[in-house]
Amino acid sequence: MLYTVLLLVLAALGLLVPALTSAQTHWAWLSVGASGAAAVVLVLDWWLRRRSGTQAAGTAVVDHQVSAGDQRSVPGGAGDEAPESPPDQAHLEPGEEDTDAADALIVSELTDEVRVLDERPRYHLADCSWLAARASLGLPVDEARQLGFTPCAVCRPDAGLADRKRTADRSEAD
């Protein structure tokens, strides 16, 4: 499909040259038609891919969602335990924690240490079962968030750190 779009765009450019060099407007309208056809083919390709869930041959799309074979996290605190996965699944990334807006606001101001792995998008609590014996680096949570890391759904660091901060604030108030 993308080759068809490329050919239509090249045809539109080719038709634009005689439209600009001659006084005949039909060349310009043919160029506009070829561009419109290219747009229609792009939308059709997008719709077919979205509907079928597959990618066209020869295209590479980076998808940050959980694929069908990955372990999915259970929202709402039910997934605090580590998902069981076969040893060959050890390279898969855990899901992203669905952070409450109030928790995200609290965590954005904290400097508590979280753990990150090189070349991985999630940050974790030190006792995260997914981290296990993997070599990790310590970073303040605010810095980890600024660098683009997102919270792990297994250890739920945002919920844990926000609860810890609320508890500390209540004990200071008493």
N, C-alpha and C. Protein backbone atom coordinates (compact mmCIF):
# COMPACT_ATOMS: atom_id res chain seq x y z
N MET A 1 0.81 -1.19 0.00
CA MET A 1 0.00 0.00 0.00
C MET A 1 0.86 1.26 0.00
N LEU A 2 1.94 1.24 0.78
CA LEU A 2 2.78 2.43 0.85
C LEU A 2 3.49 2.70 -0.47
N TYR A 3 3.77 1.64 -1.22
CA TYR A 3 4.37 1.85 -2.54
C TYR A 3 3.37 2.53 -3.47
N THR A 4 2.12 2.17 -3.34
CA THR A 4 1.07 2.82 -4.13
C THR A 4 0.99 4.31 -3.80
N VAL A 5 1.07 4.63 -2.52
CA VAL A 5 1.05 6.03 -2.10
C VAL A 5 2.26 6.77 -2.68
N LEU A 6 3.43 6.14 -2.62
CA LEU A 6 4.63 6.76 -3.16
C LEU A 6 4.47 7.03 -4.66
N LEU A 7 3.94 6.06 -5.39
CA LEU A 7 3.75 6.25 -6.83
C LEU A 7 2.75 7.37 -7.11
N LEU A 8 1.68 7.44 -6.31
CA LEU A 8 0.69 8.50 -6.51
C LEU A 8 1.27 9.88 -6.21
N VAL A 9 2.10 9.98 -5.19
CA VAL A 9 2.73 11.26 -4.87
C VAL A 9 3.71 11.66 -5.98
N LEU A 10 4.48 10.70 -6.47
CA LEU A 10 5.40 11.01 -7.58
C LEU A 10 4.62 11.42 -8.84
N ALA A 11 3.49 10.75 -9.08
CA ALA A 11 2.67 11.14 -10.23
C ALA A 11 2.12 12.55 -10.04
N ALA A 12 1.71 12.89 -8.82
CA ALA A 12 1.20 14.24 -8.55
C ALA A 12 2.29 15.28 -8.81
N LEU A 13 3.52 14.97 -8.37
CA LEU A 13 4.63 15.90 -8.64
C LEU A 13 4.92 16.00 -10.13
N GLY A 14 4.86 14.87 -10.83
CA GLY A 14 5.09 14.87 -12.27
C GLY A 14 4.02 15.66 -13.01
N LEU A 15 2.79 15.59 -12.55
CA LEU A 15 1.71 16.35 -13.19
C LEU A 15 1.76 17.82 -12.83
N LEU A 16 2.38 18.15 -11.72
CA LEU A 16 2.48 19.55 -11.30
C LEU A 16 3.44 20.33 -12.21
N VAL A 17 4.47 19.67 -12.71
CA VAL A 17 5.44 20.35 -13.58
C VAL A 17 4.77 20.90 -14.84
N PRO A 18 4.02 20.08 -15.61
CA PRO A 18 3.36 20.68 -16.79
C PRO A 18 2.29 21.70 -16.41
N ALA A 19 1.69 21.53 -15.22
CA ALA A 19 0.69 22.51 -14.80
C ALA A 19 1.33 23.87 -14.57
N LEU A 20 2.53 23.90 -14.07
CA LEU A 20 3.21 25.16 -13.80
C LEU A 20 3.87 25.75 -15.05
N THR A 21 4.23 24.90 -16.01
CA THR A 21 4.93 25.39 -17.20
C THR A 21 3.98 25.70 -18.36
N SER A 22 2.75 25.25 -18.28
CA SER A 22 1.80 25.54 -19.36
C SER A 22 0.60 26.29 -18.78
N ALA A 23 -0.22 26.75 -19.64
CA ALA A 23 -1.40 27.52 -19.22
C ALA A 23 -2.63 26.62 -19.10
N GLN A 24 -2.44 25.30 -19.11
CA GLN A 24 -3.56 24.37 -19.06
C GLN A 24 -3.81 23.92 -17.61
N THR A 25 -5.00 24.21 -17.13
CA THR A 25 -5.31 23.92 -15.72
C THR A 25 -5.65 22.46 -15.46
N HIS A 26 -5.94 21.70 -16.50
CA HIS A 26 -6.28 20.30 -16.25
C HIS A 26 -5.10 19.52 -15.65
N TRP A 27 -3.87 19.93 -15.96
CA TRP A 27 -2.70 19.27 -15.34
C TRP A 27 -2.70 19.49 -13.83
N ALA A 28 -3.04 20.69 -13.40
CA ALA A 28 -3.10 20.99 -11.97
C ALA A 28 -4.18 20.17 -11.28
N TRP A 29 -5.34 20.04 -11.95
CA TRP A 29 -6.42 19.26 -11.36
C TRP A 29 -6.06 17.77 -11.31
N LEU A 30 -5.34 17.28 -12.29
CA LEU A 30 -4.88 15.89 -12.25
C LEU A 30 -3.89 15.69 -11.10
N SER A 31 -3.03 16.67 -10.87
CA SER A 31 -2.09 16.60 -9.75
C SER A 31 -2.82 16.58 -8.41
N VAL A 32 -3.83 17.43 -8.29
CA VAL A 32 -4.64 17.44 -7.06
C VAL A 32 -5.36 16.11 -6.89
N GLY A 33 -5.86 15.55 -7.96
CA GLY A 33 -6.53 14.25 -7.90
C GLY A 33 -5.60 13.14 -7.46
N ALA A 34 -4.37 13.13 -7.99
CA ALA A 34 -3.40 12.12 -7.59
C ALA A 34 -3.03 12.26 -6.11
N SER A 35 -2.91 13.50 -5.63
CA SER A 35 -2.62 13.73 -4.21
C SER A 35 -3.79 13.25 -3.34
N GLY A 36 -5.01 13.54 -3.79
CA GLY A 36 -6.19 13.08 -3.05
C GLY A 36 -6.28 11.57 -3.01
N ALA A 37 -5.95 10.92 -4.12
CA ALA A 37 -5.95 9.45 -4.17
C ALA A 37 -4.91 8.88 -3.21
N ALA A 38 -3.75 9.53 -3.13
CA ALA A 38 -2.72 9.08 -2.19
C ALA A 38 -3.22 9.19 -0.75
N ALA A 39 -3.92 10.27 -0.43
CA ALA A 39 -4.48 10.44 0.91
C ALA A 39 -5.52 9.36 1.21
N VAL A 40 -6.36 9.05 0.23
CA VAL A 40 -7.37 8.01 0.41
C VAL A 40 -6.71 6.66 0.66
N VAL A 41 -5.67 6.34 -0.08
CA VAL A 41 -4.97 5.07 0.10
C VAL A 41 -4.32 5.01 1.48
N LEU A 42 -3.75 6.12 1.95
CA LEU A 42 -3.16 6.14 3.30
C LEU A 42 -4.21 5.89 4.38
N VAL A 43 -5.35 6.55 4.27
CA VAL A 43 -6.42 6.36 5.25
C VAL A 43 -6.94 4.93 5.20
N LEU A 44 -7.10 4.38 3.99
CA LEU A 44 -7.56 3.00 3.85
C LEU A 44 -6.56 2.04 4.48
N ASP A 45 -5.28 2.25 4.24
CA ASP A 45 -4.24 1.41 4.83
C ASP A 45 -4.29 1.48 6.35
N TRP A 46 -4.41 2.68 6.91
CA TRP A 46 -4.50 2.85 8.36
C TRP A 46 -5.72 2.12 8.91
N TRP A 47 -6.86 2.28 8.25
CA TRP A 47 -8.09 1.65 8.72
C TRP A 47 -7.98 0.12 8.68
N LEU A 48 -7.42 -0.43 7.60
CA LEU A 48 -7.27 -1.89 7.49
C LEU A 48 -6.33 -2.43 8.55
N ARG A 49 -5.22 -1.72 8.81
CA ARG A 49 -4.29 -2.17 9.85
C ARG A 49 -4.91 -2.12 11.23
N ARG A 50 -5.64 -1.04 11.48
CA ARG A 50 -6.27 -0.89 12.80
C ARG A 50 -7.33 -1.97 13.00
N ARG A 51 -8.06 -2.26 11.95
CA ARG A 51 -9.14 -3.25 12.05
C ARG A 51 -8.59 -4.65 12.21
N SER A 52 -7.55 -5.01 11.47
CA SER A 52 -7.01 -6.37 11.52
C SER A 52 -5.97 -6.54 12.61
N GLY A 53 -5.35 -5.45 13.07
CA GLY A 53 -4.34 -5.56 14.11
C GLY A 53 -3.00 -6.04 13.61
N THR A 54 -2.81 -6.10 12.31
CA THR A 54 -1.53 -6.56 11.75
C THR A 54 -0.86 -5.41 11.02
N GLN A 55 0.42 -5.63 10.73
CA GLN A 55 1.19 -4.62 10.02
C GLN A 55 1.38 -5.05 8.58
N ALA A 56 1.46 -4.09 7.70
CA ALA A 56 1.73 -4.39 6.29
C ALA A 56 3.17 -4.85 6.16
N ALA A 57 3.43 -5.69 5.17
CA ALA A 57 4.78 -6.21 4.97
C ALA A 57 5.73 -5.08 4.65
N GLY A 58 6.93 -5.14 5.24
CA GLY A 58 7.94 -4.15 4.95
C GLY A 58 7.84 -2.89 5.78
N THR A 59 6.95 -2.83 6.74
CA THR A 59 6.85 -1.65 7.59
C THR A 59 7.27 -2.01 8.99
N ALA A 60 7.85 -1.06 9.66
CA ALA A 60 8.26 -1.26 11.05
C ALA A 60 7.57 -0.20 11.88
N VAL A 61 6.75 -0.65 12.82
CA VAL A 61 6.03 0.26 13.68
C VAL A 61 6.41 -0.06 15.12
N VAL A 62 6.82 0.96 15.87
CA VAL A 62 7.14 0.77 17.27
C VAL A 62 5.85 0.86 18.05
N ASP A 63 5.52 -0.21 18.77
CA ASP A 63 4.27 -0.26 19.51
C ASP A 63 4.60 -0.46 20.98
N HIS A 64 4.18 0.49 21.82
CA HIS A 64 4.49 0.42 23.24
C HIS A 64 3.38 -0.24 24.04
N GLN A 65 2.41 -0.83 23.38
CA GLN A 65 1.35 -1.51 24.09
C GLN A 65 1.75 -2.95 24.31
N VAL A 66 1.04 -3.62 25.19
CA VAL A 66 1.31 -5.01 25.50
C VAL A 66 0.78 -5.86 24.36
N SER A 67 1.63 -6.71 23.81
CA SER A 67 1.19 -7.57 22.72
C SER A 67 0.49 -8.80 23.29
N ALA A 68 -0.11 -9.60 22.41
CA ALA A 68 -0.95 -10.70 22.84
C ALA A 68 -0.20 -11.73 23.68
N GLY A 69 1.08 -11.95 23.41
CA GLY A 69 1.83 -12.95 24.15
C GLY A 69 2.39 -12.47 25.47
N ASP A 70 2.38 -11.18 25.70
CA ASP A 70 2.95 -10.62 26.93
C ASP A 70 2.01 -10.85 28.10
N GLN A 71 2.58 -10.81 29.29
CA GLN A 71 1.78 -10.88 30.50
C GLN A 71 1.11 -9.54 30.72
N ARG A 72 -0.16 -9.52 31.01
CA ARG A 72 -0.87 -8.28 31.28
C ARG A 72 -0.98 -8.09 32.77
N SER A 73 -0.89 -6.84 33.19
CA SER A 73 -1.03 -6.54 34.60
C SER A 73 -2.50 -6.36 34.93
N VAL A 74 -2.83 -6.62 36.19
CA VAL A 74 -4.21 -6.48 36.64
C VAL A 74 -4.32 -5.16 37.37
N PRO A 75 -5.18 -4.23 36.90
CA PRO A 75 -5.29 -2.93 37.55
C PRO A 75 -6.01 -3.03 38.88
N GLY A 76 -5.88 -1.97 39.67
CA GLY A 76 -6.61 -1.87 40.92
C GLY A 76 -5.96 -2.56 42.09
N GLY A 77 -4.67 -2.86 42.02
CA GLY A 77 -3.98 -3.42 43.17
C GLY A 77 -4.02 -4.93 43.22
N ALA A 78 -4.80 -5.60 42.37
CA ALA A 78 -4.88 -7.05 42.42
C ALA A 78 -3.62 -7.69 41.84
N GLY A 79 -2.81 -6.94 41.13
CA GLY A 79 -1.63 -7.51 40.49
C GLY A 79 -0.35 -7.18 41.22
N ASP A 80 -0.38 -7.08 42.55
CA ASP A 80 0.82 -6.75 43.31
C ASP A 80 1.85 -7.86 43.26
N GLU A 81 1.40 -9.11 43.06
CA GLU A 81 2.36 -10.19 42.98
C GLU A 81 2.94 -10.27 41.57
N ALA A 82 4.10 -10.89 41.45
CA ALA A 82 4.78 -10.97 40.16
C ALA A 82 4.03 -11.91 39.24
N PRO A 83 3.85 -11.53 37.98
CA PRO A 83 3.19 -12.45 37.05
C PRO A 83 4.10 -13.63 36.77
N GLU A 84 3.53 -14.80 36.77
CA GLU A 84 4.33 -15.98 36.49
C GLU A 84 4.53 -16.07 34.99
N SER A 85 5.78 -16.24 34.59
CA SER A 85 6.07 -16.34 33.17
C SER A 85 7.16 -17.37 32.97
N PRO A 86 7.16 -18.03 31.84
CA PRO A 86 8.23 -19.00 31.56
C PRO A 86 9.57 -18.29 31.48
N PRO A 87 10.67 -19.03 31.69
CA PRO A 87 12.00 -18.40 31.67
C PRO A 87 12.31 -17.68 30.37
N ASP A 88 11.79 -18.16 29.22
CA ASP A 88 12.08 -17.49 27.97
C ASP A 88 11.32 -16.17 27.83
N GLN A 89 10.43 -15.87 28.76
CA GLN A 89 9.69 -14.62 28.76
C GLN A 89 10.37 -13.57 29.63
N ALA A 90 11.56 -13.86 30.15
CA ALA A 90 12.23 -12.96 31.09
C ALA A 90 12.62 -11.63 30.47
N HIS A 91 12.73 -11.56 29.16
CA HIS A 91 13.12 -10.31 28.51
C HIS A 91 11.94 -9.35 28.35
N LEU A 92 10.72 -9.80 28.59
CA LEU A 92 9.54 -8.95 28.40
C LEU A 92 9.44 -7.92 29.52
N GLU A 93 8.97 -6.77 29.15
CA GLU A 93 8.82 -5.65 30.07
C GLU A 93 7.49 -5.75 30.81
N PRO A 94 7.46 -5.44 32.11
CA PRO A 94 6.17 -5.42 32.79
C PRO A 94 5.33 -4.25 32.28
N GLY A 95 4.05 -4.30 32.52
CA GLY A 95 3.16 -3.23 32.09
C GLY A 95 3.41 -1.96 32.87
N GLU A 96 2.75 -0.88 32.44
CA GLU A 96 2.87 0.41 33.11
C GLU A 96 1.76 0.55 34.13
N GLU A 97 2.12 1.03 35.32
CA GLU A 97 1.14 1.26 36.37
C GLU A 97 0.15 2.34 35.95
N ASP A 98 -1.13 2.09 36.19
CA ASP A 98 -2.16 3.09 35.92
C ASP A 98 -2.23 4.00 37.14
N THR A 99 -1.48 5.09 37.09
CA THR A 99 -1.32 5.98 38.24
C THR A 99 -2.48 6.94 38.37
N ASP A 100 -3.00 7.06 39.57
CA ASP A 100 -4.03 8.04 39.89
C ASP A 100 -3.42 9.44 39.78
N ALA A 101 -4.19 10.42 39.35
CA ALA A 101 -3.68 11.79 39.16
C ALA A 101 -3.15 12.37 40.46
N ALA A 102 -3.82 12.09 41.59
CA ALA A 102 -3.36 12.61 42.88
C ALA A 102 -2.02 11.99 43.25
N ASP A 103 -1.87 10.69 43.01
CA ASP A 103 -0.59 10.02 43.29
C ASP A 103 0.51 10.58 42.40
N ALA A 104 0.21 10.81 41.13
CA ALA A 104 1.22 11.34 40.20
C ALA A 104 1.69 12.72 40.65
N LEU A 105 0.78 13.54 41.16
CA LEU A 105 1.14 14.86 41.64
C LEU A 105 2.06 14.77 42.86
N ILE A 106 1.74 13.86 43.77
CA ILE A 106 2.58 13.69 44.96
C ILE A 106 3.96 13.18 44.57
N VAL A 107 4.00 12.15 43.72
CA VAL A 107 5.27 11.52 43.33
C VAL A 107 6.16 12.48 42.55
N SER A 108 5.57 13.39 41.78
CA SER A 108 6.38 14.31 40.98
C SER A 108 7.22 15.24 41.84
N GLU A 109 6.86 15.40 43.10
CA GLU A 109 7.60 16.28 44.00
C GLU A 109 8.55 15.52 44.92
N LEU A 110 8.57 14.20 44.86
CA LEU A 110 9.41 13.40 45.75
C LEU A 110 10.81 13.20 45.18
N THR A 111 11.74 12.92 46.09
CA THR A 111 13.11 12.60 45.67
C THR A 111 13.50 11.21 46.17
N ASP A 112 12.52 10.39 46.56
CA ASP A 112 12.80 9.03 47.01
C ASP A 112 13.47 8.25 45.88
N GLU A 113 14.31 7.31 46.24
CA GLU A 113 15.04 6.55 45.23
C GLU A 113 14.19 5.43 44.66
N VAL A 114 14.23 5.30 43.34
CA VAL A 114 13.64 4.18 42.62
C VAL A 114 14.74 3.51 41.82
N ARG A 115 14.46 2.34 41.33
CA ARG A 115 15.46 1.57 40.58
C ARG A 115 15.08 1.55 39.09
N VAL A 116 16.07 1.71 38.23
CA VAL A 116 15.86 1.62 36.78
C VAL A 116 16.88 0.67 36.19
N LEU A 117 16.51 0.08 35.07
CA LEU A 117 17.43 -0.78 34.33
C LEU A 117 17.82 -0.07 33.06
N ASP A 118 19.06 -0.22 32.65
CA ASP A 118 19.54 0.39 31.42
C ASP A 118 18.75 -0.18 30.24
N GLU A 119 18.33 0.70 29.35
CA GLU A 119 17.59 0.34 28.14
C GLU A 119 16.18 -0.19 28.42
N ARG A 120 15.63 0.06 29.60
CA ARG A 120 14.26 -0.35 29.93
C ARG A 120 13.45 0.87 30.33
N PRO A 121 12.15 0.94 29.98
CA PRO A 121 11.37 2.16 30.20
C PRO A 121 10.74 2.32 31.57
N ARG A 122 10.81 1.33 32.45
CA ARG A 122 10.09 1.40 33.72
C ARG A 122 11.01 1.73 34.89
N TYR A 123 10.44 2.35 35.93
CA TYR A 123 11.15 2.46 37.20
C TYR A 123 10.41 1.62 38.23
N HIS A 124 11.18 1.15 39.23
CA HIS A 124 10.68 0.15 40.17
C HIS A 124 11.05 0.52 41.60
N LEU A 125 10.33 -0.07 42.55
CA LEU A 125 10.75 -0.02 43.94
C LEU A 125 11.88 -1.02 44.11
N ALA A 126 12.70 -0.83 45.14
CA ALA A 126 13.86 -1.70 45.35
C ALA A 126 13.46 -3.15 45.56
N ASP A 127 12.27 -3.39 46.14
CA ASP A 127 11.84 -4.76 46.41
C ASP A 127 10.94 -5.35 45.32
N CYS A 128 10.97 -4.79 44.12
CA CYS A 128 10.13 -5.27 43.02
C CYS A 128 10.52 -6.70 42.64
N SER A 129 9.53 -7.57 42.56
CA SER A 129 9.81 -8.96 42.22
C SER A 129 10.25 -9.11 40.76
N TRP A 130 9.86 -8.19 39.90
CA TRP A 130 10.28 -8.28 38.51
C TRP A 130 11.77 -7.97 38.37
N LEU A 131 12.28 -7.06 39.22
CA LEU A 131 13.70 -6.73 39.18
C LEU A 131 14.55 -7.93 39.54
N ALA A 132 14.10 -8.68 40.55
CA ALA A 132 14.81 -9.86 41.04
C ALA A 132 16.31 -9.55 41.21
N ALA A 133 17.16 -10.28 40.50
CA ALA A 133 18.61 -10.11 40.64
C ALA A 133 19.20 -9.29 39.49
N ARG A 134 18.37 -8.59 38.75
CA ARG A 134 18.88 -7.79 37.64
C ARG A 134 19.65 -6.59 38.18
N ALA A 135 20.71 -6.23 37.50
CA ALA A 135 21.52 -5.07 37.89
C ALA A 135 20.75 -3.80 37.59
N SER A 136 20.55 -2.97 38.60
CA SER A 136 19.76 -1.75 38.41
C SER A 136 20.50 -0.55 38.98
N LEU A 137 20.06 0.62 38.57
CA LEU A 137 20.64 1.88 39.03
C LEU A 137 19.61 2.62 39.87
N GLY A 138 20.08 3.33 40.90
CA GLY A 138 19.19 4.12 41.73
C GLY A 138 19.10 5.55 41.21
N LEU A 139 17.88 6.07 41.14
CA LEU A 139 17.64 7.46 40.73
C LEU A 139 16.54 8.04 41.60
N PRO A 140 16.58 9.34 41.85
CA PRO A 140 15.42 9.96 42.50
C PRO A 140 14.21 9.84 41.57
N VAL A 141 13.04 9.61 42.14
CA VAL A 141 11.85 9.37 41.33
C VAL A 141 11.51 10.56 40.44
N ASP A 142 11.74 11.79 40.94
CA ASP A 142 11.43 12.95 40.09
C ASP A 142 12.34 12.99 38.87
N GLU A 143 13.60 12.61 39.05
CA GLU A 143 14.53 12.58 37.92
C GLU A 143 14.18 11.45 36.95
N ALA A 144 13.79 10.30 37.49
CA ALA A 144 13.40 9.18 36.63
C ALA A 144 12.21 9.57 35.76
N ARG A 145 11.25 10.26 36.34
CA ARG A 145 10.08 10.70 35.57
C ARG A 145 10.48 11.73 34.51
N GLN A 146 11.38 12.66 34.87
CA GLN A 146 11.84 13.66 33.90
C GLN A 146 12.58 13.02 32.74
N LEU A 147 13.25 11.92 33.00
CA LEU A 147 13.99 11.22 31.94
C LEU A 147 13.09 10.34 31.09
N GLY A 148 11.80 10.28 31.43
CA GLY A 148 10.86 9.53 30.60
C GLY A 148 10.54 8.14 31.08
N PHE A 149 11.06 7.74 32.25
CA PHE A 149 10.72 6.43 32.78
C PHE A 149 9.27 6.45 33.28
N THR A 150 8.60 5.32 33.21
CA THR A 150 7.22 5.19 33.67
C THR A 150 7.16 4.13 34.76
N PRO A 151 6.13 4.18 35.64
CA PRO A 151 6.08 3.25 36.77
C PRO A 151 5.71 1.83 36.36
N CYS A 152 6.29 0.87 37.06
CA CYS A 152 6.07 -0.56 36.83
C CYS A 152 4.71 -0.98 37.41
N ALA A 153 4.00 -1.82 36.68
CA ALA A 153 2.69 -2.30 37.15
C ALA A 153 2.83 -3.42 38.17
N VAL A 154 4.00 -4.04 38.27
CA VAL A 154 4.18 -5.14 39.22
C VAL A 154 4.35 -4.61 40.64
N CYS A 155 5.28 -3.68 40.83
CA CYS A 155 5.54 -3.16 42.19
C CYS A 155 4.77 -1.89 42.49
N ARG A 156 4.16 -1.26 41.49
CA ARG A 156 3.33 -0.07 41.63
C ARG A 156 4.02 1.01 42.47
N PRO A 157 5.16 1.54 42.00
CA PRO A 157 5.93 2.50 42.80
C PRO A 157 5.19 3.82 43.07
N ASP A 158 4.40 4.30 42.14
CA ASP A 158 3.70 5.57 42.38
C ASP A 158 2.71 5.44 43.53
N ALA A 159 1.93 4.37 43.54
CA ALA A 159 0.97 4.17 44.62
C ALA A 159 1.69 3.96 45.94
N GLY A 160 2.77 3.19 45.94
CA GLY A 160 3.53 2.93 47.16
C GLY A 160 4.19 4.19 47.71
N LEU A 161 4.84 4.95 46.86
CA LEU A 161 5.51 6.18 47.31
C LEU A 161 4.51 7.23 47.77
N ALA A 162 3.37 7.34 47.08
CA ALA A 162 2.34 8.30 47.48
C ALA A 162 1.74 7.92 48.83
N ASP A 163 1.49 6.62 49.04
CA ASP A 163 0.97 6.17 50.34
C ASP A 163 1.98 6.44 51.45
N ARG A 164 3.26 6.17 51.17
CA ARG A 164 4.31 6.42 52.17
C ARG A 164 4.38 7.91 52.52
N LYS A 165 4.26 8.78 51.52
CA LYS A 165 4.29 10.23 51.76
C LYS A 165 3.07 10.67 52.57
N ARG A 166 1.88 10.16 52.23
CA ARG A 166 0.68 10.51 52.99
C ARG A 166 0.78 10.06 54.44
N THR A 167 1.33 8.86 54.67
CA THR A 167 1.50 8.36 56.02
C THR A 167 2.47 9.23 56.80
N ALA A 168 3.57 9.63 56.15
CA ALA A 168 4.55 10.48 56.80
C ALA A 168 3.95 11.84 57.13
N ASP A 169 3.15 12.39 56.24
CA ASP A 169 2.50 13.68 56.48
C ASP A 169 1.50 13.59 57.63
N ARG A 170 0.76 12.48 57.72
CA ARG A 170 -0.19 12.32 58.82
C ARG A 170 0.52 12.18 60.15
N SER A 171 1.63 11.45 60.16
CA SER A 171 2.37 11.27 61.43
C SER A 171 3.04 12.58 61.87
N GLU A 172 3.44 13.41 60.93
CA GLU A 172 4.00 14.72 61.28
C GLU A 172 2.91 15.65 61.82
N ALA A 173 1.70 15.53 61.29
CA ALA A 173 0.60 16.37 61.74
C ALA A 173 0.14 16.01 63.15
N ASP A 174 0.34 14.77 63.54
CA ASP A 174 -0.09 14.32 64.89
C ASP A 174 0.88 14.69 65.93
